[in-house]
Structure formats: structure tokens, C-alpha cells
Amino acid sequence: ENDRFDEARAAYTSAGHSEMATKMLEQLTHNAVVERRFQDAGYCYWLLSQEVASELPKDPRALLSDADEAKLGRFKDFKERSEIYYAYEFIHRAMDE
């Protein structure tokens, strides 16, 4: 299932529709949370964080624009959510047993 998603996401991106690829990933993330697939949600949030990170300047000494600062904030938020959902998967599994 993930392979098909990755293929579709790559196709949108290569066709110049990266915003559609991101929107699809955001929807998949939302669905994973609602369906209590917390490990998948963590992975999706990690992917979102990597997408945002790829848009940031590569030089760590570069001055960040306001837009870059906003992206950095989104990166941190997505990365934190990724870690929370990965951890919560273990809690959720233990509660179900």
C-alpha cells in the first residue's frame, strides 16, 4: 500500500504538482491518526518534516528569511509530532493488551 502511495506522490512531484503531493500526504497523515494507526502517522509526519527541511537553505550559516523561519517552525512541529506518534504507538499497543 505504501509503495503505491510513494509512486503516486513521486508522479505528482515529477509532474510539477508538489503541492498536490503534499496535500495527499497531509490527508494520509490525518487518516492514519483518525484510524489510530499511530506508527503510520509518525512516519507521515516524518515525511512532512523532511519535505519542509528540503526547502530550507542548506548552509547552516545562512540568514533565514521570515518565510524560512516559518518553514523551520513547521519542520520542528512535524518532527515533534512524528516522535510523539511513534512513541504513542507503544502506549496504545500496551493499553490494548
C-alpha atoms as a PDB file:
ATOM      1  CA  GLU A   1       0.000   0.000   0.000  1.00  0.00           C
ATOM      2  CA  ASN A   2       2.792   2.444   0.866  1.00  0.00           C
ATOM      3  CA  ASP A   3       4.552   1.643  -2.412  1.00  0.00           C
ATOM      4  CA  ARG A   4       1.508   2.804  -4.376  1.00  0.00           C
ATOM      5  CA  PHE A   5       1.315   5.950  -2.308  1.00  0.00           C
ATOM      6  CA  ASP A   6       5.022   6.648  -2.833  1.00  0.00           C
ATOM      7  CA  GLU A   7       4.583   6.095  -6.583  1.00  0.00           C
ATOM      8  CA  ALA A   8       1.639   8.496  -6.734  1.00  0.00           C
ATOM      9  CA  ARG A   9       3.492  11.084  -4.675  1.00  0.00           C
ATOM     10  CA  ALA A  10       6.557  10.819  -6.923  1.00  0.00           C
ATOM     11  CA  ALA A  11       4.364  11.141 -10.016  1.00  0.00           C
ATOM     12  CA  TYR A  12       2.734  14.337  -8.707  1.00  0.00           C
ATOM     13  CA  THR A  13       6.126  15.756  -7.794  1.00  0.00           C
ATOM     14  CA  SER A  14       7.767  14.923 -11.120  1.00  0.00           C
ATOM     15  CA  ALA A  15       4.770  16.403 -12.950  1.00  0.00           C
ATOM     16  CA  GLY A  16       5.376  19.698 -11.160  1.00  0.00           C
ATOM     17  CA  HIS A  17       2.474  19.316  -8.732  1.00  0.00           C
ATOM     18  CA  SER A  18       4.383  19.069  -5.470  1.00  0.00           C
ATOM     19  CA  GLU A  19       1.560  20.900  -3.674  1.00  0.00           C
ATOM     20  CA  MET A  20      -0.782  18.036  -4.599  1.00  0.00           C
ATOM     21  CA  ALA A  21       1.765  15.506  -3.339  1.00  0.00           C
ATOM     22  CA  THR A  22       1.961  17.373  -0.035  1.00  0.00           C
ATOM     23  CA  LYS A  23      -1.808  17.669   0.217  1.00  0.00           C
ATOM     24  CA  MET A  24      -2.134  13.931  -0.378  1.00  0.00           C
ATOM     25  CA  LEU A  25       0.445  13.248   2.340  1.00  0.00           C
ATOM     26  CA  GLU A  26      -1.373  15.556   4.775  1.00  0.00           C
ATOM     27  CA  GLN A  27      -4.644  13.700   4.098  1.00  0.00           C
ATOM     28  CA  LEU A  28      -2.945  10.345   4.570  1.00  0.00           C
ATOM     29  CA  THR A  29      -1.488  11.599   7.856  1.00  0.00           C
ATOM     30  CA  HIS A  30      -4.904  12.735   9.061  1.00  0.00           C
ATOM     31  CA  ASN A  31      -6.443   9.383   8.120  1.00  0.00           C
ATOM     32  CA  ALA A  32      -3.725   7.486   9.988  1.00  0.00           C
ATOM     33  CA  VAL A  33      -4.408   9.484  13.166  1.00  0.00           C
ATOM     34  CA  VAL A  34      -8.186   9.083  12.915  1.00  0.00           C
ATOM     35  CA  GLU A  35      -7.812   5.352  12.270  1.00  0.00           C
ATOM     36  CA  ARG A  36      -5.413   5.036  15.236  1.00  0.00           C
ATOM     37  CA  ARG A  37      -2.541   3.862  13.049  1.00  0.00           C
ATOM     38  CA  PHE A  38      -0.070   5.828  15.122  1.00  0.00           C
ATOM     39  CA  GLN A  39       3.106   4.318  13.686  1.00  0.00           C
ATOM     40  CA  ASP A  40       1.914   5.268  10.187  1.00  0.00           C
ATOM     41  CA  ALA A  41       1.022   8.738  11.457  1.00  0.00           C
ATOM     42  CA  GLY A  42       4.518   9.106  12.881  1.00  0.00           C
ATOM     43  CA  TYR A  43       6.035   8.087   9.565  1.00  0.00           C
ATOM     44  CA  CYS A  44       3.822  10.508   7.640  1.00  0.00           C
ATOM     45  CA  TYR A  45       4.734  13.371   9.948  1.00  0.00           C
ATOM     46  CA  TRP A  46       8.404  12.465   9.499  1.00  0.00           C
ATOM     47  CA  LEU A  47       7.934  12.596   5.707  1.00  0.00           C
ATOM     48  CA  LEU A  48       6.272  16.004   6.026  1.00  0.00           C
ATOM     49  CA  SER A  49       9.179  17.236   8.153  1.00  0.00           C
ATOM     50  CA  GLN A  50      11.640  16.047   5.504  1.00  0.00           C
ATOM     51  CA  GLU A  51       9.690  17.827   2.758  1.00  0.00           C
ATOM     52  CA  VAL A  52       9.862  21.094   4.681  1.00  0.00           C
ATOM     53  CA  ALA A  53      13.535  20.569   5.549  1.00  0.00           C
ATOM     54  CA  SER A  54      14.364  20.161   1.859  1.00  0.00           C
ATOM     55  CA  GLU A  55      13.018  23.688   1.263  1.00  0.00           C
ATOM     56  CA  LEU A  56      15.329  25.292   3.844  1.00  0.00           C
ATOM     57  CA  PRO A  57      18.736  26.796   2.978  1.00  0.00           C
ATOM     58  CA  LYS A  58      21.461  24.146   3.031  1.00  0.00           C
ATOM     59  CA  ASP A  59      24.091  26.486   4.515  1.00  0.00           C
ATOM     60  CA  PRO A  60      23.666  26.479   8.315  1.00  0.00           C
ATOM     61  CA  ARG A  61      25.217  29.974   8.458  1.00  0.00           C
ATOM     62  CA  ALA A  62      22.657  31.440   6.049  1.00  0.00           C
ATOM     63  CA  LEU A  63      20.370  34.127   7.349  1.00  0.00           C
ATOM     64  CA  LEU A  64      16.782  32.900   7.343  1.00  0.00           C
ATOM     65  CA  SER A  65      14.032  34.951   5.781  1.00  0.00           C
ATOM     66  CA  ASP A  66      10.663  35.228   7.501  1.00  0.00           C
ATOM     67  CA  ALA A  67       9.370  32.515   5.150  1.00  0.00           C
ATOM     68  CA  ASP A  68      12.322  30.287   6.077  1.00  0.00           C
ATOM     69  CA  GLU A  69      11.668  30.888   9.782  1.00  0.00           C
ATOM     70  CA  ALA A  70       8.058  29.793   9.253  1.00  0.00           C
ATOM     71  CA  LYS A  71       9.255  26.676   7.425  1.00  0.00           C
ATOM     72  CA  LEU A  72      11.681  25.922  10.243  1.00  0.00           C
ATOM     73  CA  GLY A  73       8.773  26.166  12.683  1.00  0.00           C
ATOM     74  CA  ARG A  74       6.734  23.747  10.553  1.00  0.00           C
ATOM     75  CA  PHE A  75       9.706  21.382  10.351  1.00  0.00           C
ATOM     76  CA  LYS A  76      10.067  21.355  14.138  1.00  0.00           C
ATOM     77  CA  ASP A  77       6.320  20.841  14.609  1.00  0.00           C
ATOM     78  CA  PHE A  78       6.146  17.936  12.162  1.00  0.00           C
ATOM     79  CA  LYS A  79       9.277  16.309  13.597  1.00  0.00           C
ATOM     80  CA  GLU A  80       7.930  16.594  17.143  1.00  0.00           C
ATOM     81  CA  ARG A  81       4.577  15.128  16.109  1.00  0.00           C
ATOM     82  CA  SER A  82       6.416  12.298  14.372  1.00  0.00           C
ATOM     83  CA  GLU A  83       8.261  11.430  17.571  1.00  0.00           C
ATOM     84  CA  ILE A  84       5.090  11.692  19.664  1.00  0.00           C
ATOM     85  CA  TYR A  85       3.083   9.384  17.402  1.00  0.00           C
ATOM     86  CA  TYR A  86       5.913   6.843  17.180  1.00  0.00           C
ATOM     87  CA  ALA A  87       6.083   6.784  20.988  1.00  0.00           C
ATOM     88  CA  TYR A  88       2.313   6.716  21.369  1.00  0.00           C
ATOM     89  CA  GLU A  89       2.110   3.594  19.207  1.00  0.00           C
ATOM     90  CA  PHE A  90       3.799   1.654  22.031  1.00  0.00           C
ATOM     91  CA  ILE A  91       1.452   3.094  24.644  1.00  0.00           C
ATOM     92  CA  HIS A  92      -1.596   2.385  22.510  1.00  0.00           C
ATOM     93  CA  ARG A  93      -0.481  -1.200  21.891  1.00  0.00           C
ATOM     94  CA  ALA A  94       0.142  -1.770  25.610  1.00  0.00           C
ATOM     95  CA  MET A  95      -3.295  -0.352  26.508  1.00  0.00           C
ATOM     96  CA  ASP A  96      -4.996  -2.672  24.027  1.00  0.00           C
ATOM     97  CA  GLU A  97      -3.385  -5.784  25.531  1.00  0.00           C
END
